[in-house]
Amino acid sequence: MQEDTMKSSTKNEQPRRILIIGDAGRGKTTFAQHASEKFGIPMFSLDDILWKQRYSEIEDRPKAMQRIQEVVERDAWIIEGATRYLAEQSFERADIIYHFQHRSIVGQILHLVWRYLKKRGSTFVELCKLILHSIYKRYSVGYCRHESGWCEILDPHDNKVIHIRSKRDVNDLIETLLSPPAV
């Protein structure tokens, strides 16, 4: 991995508030599920908070923001997702922030298509919308043209951010997480 798996502020203690954010299809949910099981910390998905009805009806913004604020106020949580305006509410309270990134849009699109073909958890139309949304976010075009990128909004919190940039980084992180603690 390109960075230590823990920043200096969390080396001696297990983080209780973990934020996992970044690109669609990078492994955020898988890592969050493993971390939740390993540490016994409840996991919350920004998608579950954002969508009133999955991929077809978005929750009222103030209501979604209130729901994420209720989660952030807890003593322990793992929050994962890619919705910036919801994730930003947890930056201050997070003990550690994992930022999952694809190196290129081509790699991201290929992974999203592979995941769609393998899991069939969504429709082809949903896949197309997700790919389009990913392109908009990466290049700040379309309805995302006025949004700051993850790196810009994470900059003030850099002391607790770990960037995960490859599938190998994701696998190494999960392997490290699942390995027994050193005695």
N, C-alpha and C. Protein backbone atom coordinates (compact mmCIF):
# COMPACT_ATOMS: atom_id res chain seq x y z
N MET A 1 0.84 -1.18 0.00
CA MET A 1 0.00 0.00 0.00
C MET A 1 0.87 1.23 0.00
N GLN A 2 0.40 2.30 -0.61
CA GLN A 2 1.22 3.49 -0.74
C GLN A 2 1.34 4.28 0.55
N GLU A 3 0.47 4.05 1.50
CA GLU A 3 0.52 4.78 2.75
C GLU A 3 0.39 3.80 3.90
N ASP A 4 0.81 4.24 5.09
CA ASP A 4 0.58 3.42 6.28
C ASP A 4 -0.92 3.24 6.43
N THR A 5 -1.33 2.10 6.99
CA THR A 5 -2.76 1.88 7.12
C THR A 5 -3.37 2.67 8.27
N MET A 6 -2.55 3.25 9.10
CA MET A 6 -3.07 4.09 10.17
C MET A 6 -2.26 5.39 10.22
N LYS A 7 -2.91 6.48 10.47
CA LYS A 7 -2.23 7.74 10.67
C LYS A 7 -1.75 7.79 12.11
N SER A 8 -0.85 8.69 12.42
CA SER A 8 -0.23 8.74 13.75
C SER A 8 -1.26 8.90 14.87
N SER A 9 -2.34 9.59 14.63
CA SER A 9 -3.33 9.82 15.68
C SER A 9 -4.10 8.56 16.06
N THR A 10 -4.04 7.51 15.22
CA THR A 10 -4.83 6.32 15.50
C THR A 10 -3.99 5.06 15.61
N LYS A 11 -2.65 5.19 15.65
CA LYS A 11 -1.80 4.01 15.67
C LYS A 11 -1.98 3.15 16.91
N ASN A 12 -2.20 3.76 18.05
CA ASN A 12 -2.25 3.01 19.30
C ASN A 12 -3.64 2.62 19.74
N GLU A 13 -4.64 3.05 19.05
CA GLU A 13 -6.00 2.72 19.43
C GLU A 13 -6.84 2.46 18.19
N GLN A 14 -7.82 1.60 18.35
CA GLN A 14 -8.72 1.27 17.25
C GLN A 14 -9.67 2.44 17.03
N PRO A 15 -9.74 2.96 15.81
CA PRO A 15 -10.70 4.03 15.53
C PRO A 15 -12.13 3.55 15.78
N ARG A 16 -12.96 4.41 16.31
CA ARG A 16 -14.36 4.07 16.58
C ARG A 16 -15.30 4.76 15.59
N ARG A 17 -14.79 5.76 14.87
CA ARG A 17 -15.58 6.47 13.87
C ARG A 17 -14.77 6.45 12.57
N ILE A 18 -15.20 5.58 11.66
CA ILE A 18 -14.46 5.33 10.42
C ILE A 18 -15.31 5.77 9.24
N LEU A 19 -14.75 6.63 8.40
CA LEU A 19 -15.42 7.10 7.21
C LEU A 19 -14.72 6.49 5.99
N ILE A 20 -15.50 5.88 5.11
CA ILE A 20 -14.98 5.24 3.91
C ILE A 20 -15.70 5.86 2.72
N ILE A 21 -14.97 6.64 1.93
CA ILE A 21 -15.58 7.40 0.85
C ILE A 21 -14.82 7.19 -0.45
N GLY A 22 -15.39 7.64 -1.56
CA GLY A 22 -14.66 7.63 -2.81
C GLY A 22 -15.47 7.17 -4.00
N ASP A 23 -14.74 6.72 -5.00
CA ASP A 23 -15.32 6.36 -6.28
C ASP A 23 -16.24 5.14 -6.21
N ALA A 24 -17.26 5.16 -7.05
CA ALA A 24 -18.16 4.01 -7.18
C ALA A 24 -17.38 2.81 -7.71
N GLY A 25 -17.63 1.65 -7.11
CA GLY A 25 -17.03 0.42 -7.59
C GLY A 25 -15.62 0.17 -7.13
N ARG A 26 -15.14 0.85 -6.12
CA ARG A 26 -13.75 0.70 -5.68
C ARG A 26 -13.58 -0.30 -4.54
N GLY A 27 -14.65 -0.66 -3.83
CA GLY A 27 -14.54 -1.63 -2.74
C GLY A 27 -14.89 -1.08 -1.37
N LYS A 28 -15.52 0.08 -1.36
CA LYS A 28 -15.87 0.73 -0.09
C LYS A 28 -16.80 -0.14 0.76
N THR A 29 -17.85 -0.64 0.15
CA THR A 29 -18.84 -1.42 0.90
C THR A 29 -18.24 -2.72 1.41
N THR A 30 -17.47 -3.39 0.58
CA THR A 30 -16.83 -4.65 1.01
C THR A 30 -15.91 -4.40 2.20
N PHE A 31 -15.07 -3.37 2.12
CA PHE A 31 -14.19 -3.06 3.23
C PHE A 31 -14.99 -2.69 4.48
N ALA A 32 -16.03 -1.87 4.30
CA ALA A 32 -16.85 -1.45 5.44
C ALA A 32 -17.50 -2.65 6.13
N GLN A 33 -17.98 -3.61 5.36
CA GLN A 33 -18.60 -4.81 5.94
C GLN A 33 -17.58 -5.61 6.75
N HIS A 34 -16.38 -5.78 6.21
CA HIS A 34 -15.33 -6.49 6.94
C HIS A 34 -14.97 -5.76 8.23
N ALA A 35 -14.80 -4.45 8.15
CA ALA A 35 -14.44 -3.66 9.33
C ALA A 35 -15.54 -3.70 10.38
N SER A 36 -16.78 -3.64 9.94
CA SER A 36 -17.92 -3.69 10.86
C SER A 36 -17.95 -5.02 11.62
N GLU A 37 -17.74 -6.10 10.89
CA GLU A 37 -17.71 -7.43 11.54
C GLU A 37 -16.52 -7.57 12.48
N LYS A 38 -15.36 -7.13 12.03
CA LYS A 38 -14.13 -7.28 12.82
C LYS A 38 -14.19 -6.49 14.13
N PHE A 39 -14.68 -5.26 14.08
CA PHE A 39 -14.64 -4.38 15.24
C PHE A 39 -15.97 -4.26 15.97
N GLY A 40 -17.02 -4.87 15.45
CA GLY A 40 -18.31 -4.79 16.11
C GLY A 40 -18.88 -3.38 16.12
N ILE A 41 -18.61 -2.65 15.07
CA ILE A 41 -19.09 -1.26 14.95
C ILE A 41 -20.18 -1.25 13.88
N PRO A 42 -21.31 -0.60 14.15
CA PRO A 42 -22.39 -0.58 13.15
C PRO A 42 -21.97 0.18 11.89
N MET A 43 -22.42 -0.34 10.75
CA MET A 43 -22.11 0.24 9.45
C MET A 43 -23.34 0.93 8.88
N PHE A 44 -23.11 2.07 8.28
CA PHE A 44 -24.19 2.85 7.65
C PHE A 44 -23.77 3.20 6.23
N SER A 45 -24.67 3.00 5.29
CA SER A 45 -24.40 3.31 3.89
C SER A 45 -25.05 4.64 3.53
N LEU A 46 -24.28 5.51 2.91
CA LEU A 46 -24.84 6.78 2.46
C LEU A 46 -25.93 6.55 1.41
N ASP A 47 -25.81 5.47 0.63
CA ASP A 47 -26.86 5.15 -0.35
C ASP A 47 -28.19 4.88 0.34
N ASP A 48 -28.15 4.18 1.47
CA ASP A 48 -29.39 3.89 2.20
C ASP A 48 -30.02 5.15 2.76
N ILE A 49 -29.19 6.14 3.06
CA ILE A 49 -29.69 7.41 3.59
C ILE A 49 -30.15 8.32 2.45
N LEU A 50 -29.43 8.28 1.32
CA LEU A 50 -29.73 9.14 0.18
C LEU A 50 -31.01 8.75 -0.55
N TRP A 51 -31.22 7.45 -0.72
CA TRP A 51 -32.33 6.98 -1.56
C TRP A 51 -33.54 6.60 -0.72
N LYS A 52 -34.66 7.22 -1.02
CA LYS A 52 -35.93 6.81 -0.41
C LYS A 52 -36.32 5.47 -1.02
N GLN A 53 -36.16 5.36 -2.35
CA GLN A 53 -36.36 4.11 -3.08
C GLN A 53 -35.16 3.96 -3.99
N ARG A 54 -34.40 2.91 -3.81
CA ARG A 54 -33.09 2.70 -4.44
C ARG A 54 -33.07 3.07 -5.93
N TYR A 55 -32.23 4.06 -6.26
CA TYR A 55 -31.96 4.53 -7.62
C TYR A 55 -33.16 5.09 -8.37
N SER A 56 -34.27 5.31 -7.68
CA SER A 56 -35.39 5.89 -8.41
C SER A 56 -35.99 7.10 -7.70
N GLU A 57 -35.87 7.17 -6.39
CA GLU A 57 -36.44 8.32 -5.68
C GLU A 57 -35.49 8.74 -4.56
N ILE A 58 -34.94 9.95 -4.70
CA ILE A 58 -33.99 10.48 -3.72
C ILE A 58 -34.75 11.02 -2.53
N GLU A 59 -34.20 10.77 -1.35
CA GLU A 59 -34.77 11.29 -0.11
C GLU A 59 -34.68 12.82 -0.11
N ASP A 60 -35.61 13.47 0.53
CA ASP A 60 -35.59 14.91 0.71
C ASP A 60 -34.24 15.29 1.35
N ARG A 61 -33.53 16.27 0.77
CA ARG A 61 -32.18 16.61 1.23
C ARG A 61 -32.10 16.94 2.73
N PRO A 62 -32.94 17.82 3.27
CA PRO A 62 -32.86 18.10 4.71
C PRO A 62 -33.10 16.84 5.57
N LYS A 63 -34.00 15.99 5.13
CA LYS A 63 -34.27 14.75 5.87
C LYS A 63 -33.05 13.82 5.84
N ALA A 64 -32.42 13.69 4.68
CA ALA A 64 -31.21 12.86 4.56
C ALA A 64 -30.08 13.43 5.42
N MET A 65 -29.93 14.74 5.41
CA MET A 65 -28.88 15.37 6.21
C MET A 65 -29.14 15.18 7.70
N GLN A 66 -30.40 15.22 8.10
CA GLN A 66 -30.74 14.98 9.51
C GLN A 66 -30.41 13.54 9.90
N ARG A 67 -30.72 12.59 9.01
CA ARG A 67 -30.44 11.18 9.30
C ARG A 67 -28.94 10.93 9.45
N ILE A 68 -28.12 11.52 8.56
CA ILE A 68 -26.67 11.30 8.67
C ILE A 68 -26.13 11.99 9.92
N GLN A 69 -26.69 13.12 10.29
CA GLN A 69 -26.25 13.82 11.50
C GLN A 69 -26.52 12.96 12.74
N GLU A 70 -27.64 12.27 12.76
CA GLU A 70 -27.95 11.37 13.88
C GLU A 70 -26.93 10.24 13.98
N VAL A 71 -26.48 9.74 12.85
CA VAL A 71 -25.45 8.69 12.85
C VAL A 71 -24.13 9.27 13.34
N VAL A 72 -23.74 10.42 12.82
CA VAL A 72 -22.45 11.03 13.16
C VAL A 72 -22.35 11.33 14.65
N GLU A 73 -23.45 11.63 15.30
CA GLU A 73 -23.44 11.94 16.73
C GLU A 73 -23.22 10.71 17.61
N ARG A 74 -23.30 9.52 17.06
CA ARG A 74 -23.05 8.30 17.84
C ARG A 74 -21.58 8.20 18.23
N ASP A 75 -21.31 7.35 19.23
CA ASP A 75 -19.93 7.16 19.68
C ASP A 75 -19.10 6.32 18.71
N ALA A 76 -19.75 5.41 18.00
CA ALA A 76 -19.03 4.53 17.08
C ALA A 76 -19.85 4.32 15.82
N TRP A 77 -19.18 4.37 14.67
CA TRP A 77 -19.85 4.13 13.40
C TRP A 77 -18.83 3.90 12.31
N ILE A 78 -19.30 3.20 11.29
CA ILE A 78 -18.59 3.11 10.03
C ILE A 78 -19.57 3.62 8.99
N ILE A 79 -19.19 4.69 8.30
CA ILE A 79 -20.04 5.27 7.26
C ILE A 79 -19.31 5.07 5.95
N GLU A 80 -20.03 4.53 4.95
CA GLU A 80 -19.40 4.35 3.64
C GLU A 80 -20.32 4.89 2.56
N GLY A 81 -19.68 5.43 1.51
CA GLY A 81 -20.46 5.89 0.38
C GLY A 81 -19.75 6.93 -0.44
N ALA A 82 -20.47 7.48 -1.39
CA ALA A 82 -19.87 8.41 -2.34
C ALA A 82 -20.64 9.72 -2.46
N THR A 83 -21.61 9.95 -1.60
CA THR A 83 -22.41 11.18 -1.67
C THR A 83 -21.72 12.25 -0.85
N ARG A 84 -21.12 13.21 -1.53
CA ARG A 84 -20.26 14.20 -0.88
C ARG A 84 -20.97 15.03 0.18
N TYR A 85 -22.13 15.58 -0.16
CA TYR A 85 -22.78 16.48 0.80
C TYR A 85 -23.20 15.76 2.08
N LEU A 86 -23.43 14.45 2.01
CA LEU A 86 -23.73 13.69 3.22
C LEU A 86 -22.44 13.31 3.96
N ALA A 87 -21.42 12.90 3.22
CA ALA A 87 -20.16 12.48 3.84
C ALA A 87 -19.48 13.64 4.56
N GLU A 88 -19.56 14.83 4.00
CA GLU A 88 -18.88 15.98 4.59
C GLU A 88 -19.28 16.23 6.04
N GLN A 89 -20.49 15.85 6.41
CA GLN A 89 -20.95 16.07 7.78
C GLN A 89 -20.16 15.24 8.79
N SER A 90 -19.48 14.20 8.32
CA SER A 90 -18.77 13.31 9.25
C SER A 90 -17.27 13.55 9.28
N PHE A 91 -16.73 14.46 8.46
CA PHE A 91 -15.28 14.67 8.41
C PHE A 91 -14.69 15.03 9.76
N GLU A 92 -15.29 15.96 10.46
CA GLU A 92 -14.74 16.43 11.74
C GLU A 92 -14.70 15.32 12.79
N ARG A 93 -15.77 14.57 12.90
CA ARG A 93 -15.85 13.54 13.95
C ARG A 93 -15.13 12.25 13.61
N ALA A 94 -14.84 12.02 12.34
CA ALA A 94 -14.18 10.77 11.94
C ALA A 94 -12.79 10.68 12.58
N ASP A 95 -12.47 9.49 13.09
CA ASP A 95 -11.12 9.24 13.61
C ASP A 95 -10.16 8.98 12.45
N ILE A 96 -10.69 8.34 11.42
CA ILE A 96 -9.89 8.01 10.24
C ILE A 96 -10.79 8.03 9.01
N ILE A 97 -10.25 8.48 7.90
CA ILE A 97 -11.00 8.57 6.64
C ILE A 97 -10.24 7.78 5.58
N TYR A 98 -10.89 6.78 5.02
CA TYR A 98 -10.32 6.03 3.90
C TYR A 98 -10.92 6.58 2.62
N HIS A 99 -10.05 7.02 1.71
CA HIS A 99 -10.49 7.58 0.43
C HIS A 99 -10.14 6.58 -0.67
N PHE A 100 -11.14 5.89 -1.18
CA PHE A 100 -10.96 4.86 -2.21
C PHE A 100 -11.07 5.51 -3.58
N GLN A 101 -10.04 5.34 -4.42
CA GLN A 101 -10.02 5.99 -5.73
C GLN A 101 -9.66 4.98 -6.83
N HIS A 102 -10.24 5.19 -8.00
CA HIS A 102 -9.80 4.48 -9.20
C HIS A 102 -8.71 5.34 -9.83
N ARG A 103 -7.72 4.70 -10.41
CA ARG A 103 -6.64 5.46 -11.07
C ARG A 103 -7.13 6.15 -12.33
N SER A 104 -8.10 5.56 -13.02
CA SER A 104 -8.60 6.16 -14.26
C SER A 104 -10.09 5.89 -14.40
N ILE A 105 -10.74 6.70 -15.20
CA ILE A 105 -12.17 6.51 -15.45
C ILE A 105 -12.40 5.23 -16.24
N VAL A 106 -11.47 4.86 -17.11
CA VAL A 106 -11.62 3.62 -17.88
C VAL A 106 -11.63 2.43 -16.94
N GLY A 107 -10.69 2.40 -16.01
CA GLY A 107 -10.65 1.31 -15.04
C GLY A 107 -11.92 1.25 -14.20
N GLN A 108 -12.43 2.41 -13.83
CA GLN A 108 -13.66 2.46 -13.05
C GLN A 108 -14.83 1.92 -13.85
N ILE A 109 -14.96 2.35 -15.09
CA ILE A 109 -16.07 1.88 -15.92
C ILE A 109 -15.98 0.37 -16.14
N LEU A 110 -14.79 -0.12 -16.44
CA LEU A 110 -14.62 -1.57 -16.63
C LEU A 110 -15.01 -2.34 -15.38
N HIS A 111 -14.61 -1.82 -14.22
CA HIS A 111 -14.97 -2.49 -12.97
C HIS A 111 -16.48 -2.46 -12.73
N LEU A 112 -17.11 -1.34 -13.01
CA LEU A 112 -18.56 -1.25 -12.82
C LEU A 112 -19.30 -2.21 -13.74
N VAL A 113 -18.84 -2.34 -14.98
CA VAL A 113 -19.46 -3.29 -15.92
C VAL A 113 -19.22 -4.71 -15.44
N TRP A 114 -18.00 -5.03 -15.01
CA TRP A 114 -17.68 -6.37 -14.48
C TRP A 114 -18.58 -6.70 -13.30
N ARG A 115 -18.71 -5.73 -12.38
CA ARG A 115 -19.56 -5.96 -11.19
C ARG A 115 -21.01 -6.18 -11.59
N TYR A 116 -21.48 -5.42 -12.56
CA TYR A 116 -22.85 -5.58 -13.05
C TYR A 116 -23.05 -6.98 -13.63
N LEU A 117 -22.11 -7.43 -14.46
CA LEU A 117 -22.22 -8.75 -15.08
C LEU A 117 -22.12 -9.87 -14.06
N LYS A 118 -21.30 -9.67 -13.04
CA LYS A 118 -21.08 -10.71 -12.03
C LYS A 118 -22.23 -10.80 -11.03
N LYS A 119 -22.69 -9.68 -10.55
CA LYS A 119 -23.65 -9.68 -9.44
C LYS A 119 -25.10 -9.51 -9.87
N ARG A 120 -25.32 -8.82 -10.94
CA ARG A 120 -26.69 -8.55 -11.42
C ARG A 120 -27.58 -7.96 -10.33
N GLY A 121 -27.00 -7.07 -9.52
CA GLY A 121 -27.76 -6.45 -8.46
C GLY A 121 -28.49 -5.20 -8.90
N SER A 122 -28.35 -4.85 -10.17
CA SER A 122 -29.01 -3.66 -10.67
C SER A 122 -29.39 -3.88 -12.14
N THR A 123 -30.15 -2.94 -12.66
CA THR A 123 -30.57 -3.04 -14.06
C THR A 123 -29.51 -2.40 -14.95
N PHE A 124 -29.60 -2.66 -16.25
CA PHE A 124 -28.68 -2.07 -17.21
C PHE A 124 -28.82 -0.54 -17.21
N VAL A 125 -30.04 -0.05 -17.08
CA VAL A 125 -30.27 1.40 -17.04
C VAL A 125 -29.57 2.00 -15.81
N GLU A 126 -29.65 1.33 -14.66
CA GLU A 126 -28.97 1.81 -13.45
C GLU A 126 -27.46 1.83 -13.64
N LEU A 127 -26.93 0.80 -14.31
CA LEU A 127 -25.50 0.76 -14.61
C LEU A 127 -25.11 1.97 -15.47
N CYS A 128 -25.88 2.24 -16.50
CA CYS A 128 -25.59 3.37 -17.38
C CYS A 128 -25.64 4.69 -16.61
N LYS A 129 -26.63 4.84 -15.74
CA LYS A 129 -26.72 6.06 -14.93
C LYS A 129 -25.52 6.19 -14.00
N LEU A 130 -25.07 5.09 -13.41
CA LEU A 130 -23.92 5.11 -12.51
C LEU A 130 -22.65 5.48 -13.27
N ILE A 131 -22.48 4.93 -14.46
CA ILE A 131 -21.31 5.26 -15.28
C ILE A 131 -21.33 6.75 -15.65
N LEU A 132 -22.46 7.24 -16.08
CA LEU A 132 -22.58 8.66 -16.43
C LEU A 132 -22.30 9.53 -15.21
N HIS A 133 -22.87 9.17 -14.08
CA HIS A 133 -22.65 9.92 -12.84
C HIS A 133 -21.17 9.92 -12.46
N SER A 134 -20.50 8.77 -12.62
CA SER A 134 -19.07 8.67 -12.31
C SER A 134 -18.25 9.59 -13.20
N ILE A 135 -18.60 9.66 -14.46
CA ILE A 135 -17.90 10.55 -15.39
C ILE A 135 -18.13 12.01 -14.99
N TYR A 136 -19.38 12.35 -14.68
CA TYR A 136 -19.70 13.72 -14.26
C TYR A 136 -18.88 14.11 -13.03
N LYS A 137 -18.82 13.21 -12.04
CA LYS A 137 -18.10 13.52 -10.81
C LYS A 137 -16.60 13.67 -11.05
N ARG A 138 -16.03 12.75 -11.82
CA ARG A 138 -14.58 12.78 -12.04
C ARG A 138 -14.15 14.04 -12.77
N TYR A 139 -14.91 14.46 -13.76
CA TYR A 139 -14.51 15.58 -14.60
C TYR A 139 -15.27 16.87 -14.30
N SER A 140 -16.09 16.87 -13.24
CA SER A 140 -16.87 18.05 -12.84
C SER A 140 -17.63 18.63 -14.03
N VAL A 141 -18.40 17.78 -14.69
CA VAL A 141 -19.24 18.21 -15.81
C VAL A 141 -20.69 17.89 -15.49
N GLY A 142 -21.60 18.30 -16.38
CA GLY A 142 -23.01 18.02 -16.16
C GLY A 142 -23.48 18.63 -14.85
N TYR A 143 -24.31 17.91 -14.14
CA TYR A 143 -24.85 18.43 -12.89
C TYR A 143 -23.80 18.48 -11.77
N CYS A 144 -22.61 17.96 -11.99
CA CYS A 144 -21.53 18.00 -10.98
C CYS A 144 -20.52 19.12 -11.26
N ARG A 145 -20.80 19.98 -12.24
CA ARG A 145 -19.79 20.95 -12.67
C ARG A 145 -19.41 21.97 -11.61
N HIS A 146 -20.22 22.19 -10.62
CA HIS A 146 -19.89 23.17 -9.59
C HIS A 146 -19.41 22.52 -8.29
N GLU A 147 -19.24 21.20 -8.30
CA GLU A 147 -18.81 20.49 -7.10
C GLU A 147 -17.30 20.43 -7.00
N SER A 148 -16.79 20.51 -5.80
CA SER A 148 -15.37 20.28 -5.56
C SER A 148 -15.13 18.78 -5.56
N GLY A 149 -13.94 18.38 -5.94
CA GLY A 149 -13.58 16.97 -5.92
C GLY A 149 -13.26 16.51 -4.51
N TRP A 150 -13.19 15.19 -4.33
CA TRP A 150 -12.87 14.63 -3.01
C TRP A 150 -11.58 15.22 -2.45
N CYS A 151 -10.54 15.29 -3.29
CA CYS A 151 -9.24 15.76 -2.79
C CYS A 151 -9.33 17.17 -2.22
N GLU A 152 -10.07 18.05 -2.89
CA GLU A 152 -10.19 19.43 -2.39
C GLU A 152 -10.94 19.48 -1.05
N ILE A 153 -12.00 18.72 -0.93
CA ILE A 153 -12.77 18.80 0.32
C ILE A 153 -12.12 18.01 1.45
N LEU A 154 -11.23 17.07 1.11
CA LEU A 154 -10.52 16.32 2.14
C LEU A 154 -9.26 17.02 2.64
N ASP A 155 -8.76 17.96 1.86
CA ASP A 155 -7.48 18.61 2.18
C ASP A 155 -7.36 19.09 3.63
N PRO A 156 -8.37 19.76 4.20
CA PRO A 156 -8.24 20.22 5.59
C PRO A 156 -8.14 19.07 6.61
N HIS A 157 -8.47 17.86 6.19
CA HIS A 157 -8.47 16.72 7.10
C HIS A 157 -7.37 15.72 6.76
N ASP A 158 -6.39 16.16 6.00
CA ASP A 158 -5.34 15.28 5.46
C ASP A 158 -4.64 14.45 6.53
N ASN A 159 -4.56 14.95 7.75
CA ASN A 159 -3.87 14.22 8.81
C ASN A 159 -4.55 12.91 9.18
N LYS A 160 -5.79 12.71 8.75
CA LYS A 160 -6.47 11.46 9.07
C LYS A 160 -7.01 10.75 7.84
N VAL A 161 -6.50 11.11 6.65
CA VAL A 161 -6.94 10.51 5.40
C VAL A 161 -5.92 9.49 4.91
N ILE A 162 -6.42 8.32 4.53
CA ILE A 162 -5.60 7.30 3.89
C ILE A 162 -6.18 7.08 2.50
N HIS A 163 -5.35 7.26 1.47
CA HIS A 163 -5.79 7.10 0.09
C HIS A 163 -5.55 5.67 -0.37
N ILE A 164 -6.60 5.05 -0.89
CA ILE A 164 -6.54 3.68 -1.41
C ILE A 164 -6.73 3.82 -2.91
N ARG A 165 -5.67 3.51 -3.69
CA ARG A 165 -5.69 3.85 -5.11
C ARG A 165 -5.70 2.66 -6.07
N SER A 166 -5.65 1.45 -5.56
CA SER A 166 -5.63 0.31 -6.48
C SER A 166 -6.36 -0.87 -5.86
N LYS A 167 -6.70 -1.83 -6.69
CA LYS A 167 -7.34 -3.06 -6.20
C LYS A 167 -6.41 -3.76 -5.22
N ARG A 168 -5.12 -3.71 -5.49
CA ARG A 168 -4.14 -4.32 -4.58
C ARG A 168 -4.18 -3.62 -3.21
N ASP A 169 -4.28 -2.29 -3.22
CA ASP A 169 -4.39 -1.56 -1.96
C ASP A 169 -5.63 -2.00 -1.18
N VAL A 170 -6.76 -2.17 -1.89
CA VAL A 170 -7.99 -2.62 -1.24
C VAL A 170 -7.78 -4.01 -0.64
N ASN A 171 -7.23 -4.91 -1.42
CA ASN A 171 -6.99 -6.28 -0.93
C ASN A 171 -6.02 -6.30 0.25
N ASP A 172 -4.94 -5.51 0.18
CA ASP A 172 -3.98 -5.44 1.28
C ASP A 172 -4.64 -4.89 2.54
N LEU A 173 -5.49 -3.90 2.38
CA LEU A 173 -6.19 -3.30 3.51
C LEU A 173 -7.11 -4.32 4.18
N ILE A 174 -7.86 -5.06 3.37
CA ILE A 174 -8.76 -6.07 3.93
C ILE A 174 -7.95 -7.19 4.59
N GLU A 175 -6.86 -7.61 3.95
CA GLU A 175 -6.01 -8.66 4.54
C GLU A 175 -5.44 -8.21 5.88
N THR A 176 -4.97 -6.97 5.94
CA THR A 176 -4.44 -6.43 7.19
C THR A 176 -5.52 -6.38 8.27
N LEU A 177 -6.70 -5.99 7.86
CA LEU A 177 -7.82 -5.90 8.78
C LEU A 177 -8.18 -7.27 9.35
N LEU A 178 -8.14 -8.29 8.49
CA LEU A 178 -8.56 -9.62 8.91
C LEU A 178 -7.48 -10.42 9.63
N SER A 179 -6.23 -9.97 9.53
CA SER A 179 -5.16 -10.71 10.21
C SER A 179 -5.26 -10.53 11.71
N PRO A 180 -4.86 -11.56 12.49
CA PRO A 180 -4.96 -11.45 13.95
C PRO A 180 -4.06 -10.35 14.47
N PRO A 181 -4.44 -9.72 15.58
CA PRO A 181 -3.65 -8.64 16.13
C PRO A 181 -2.27 -9.13 16.60
N ALA A 182 -1.26 -8.27 16.45
CA ALA A 182 0.08 -8.62 16.91
C ALA A 182 0.12 -8.67 18.43
N VAL A 183 0.84 -9.64 18.95
CA VAL A 183 0.89 -9.80 20.41
C VAL A 183 2.10 -9.14 20.98
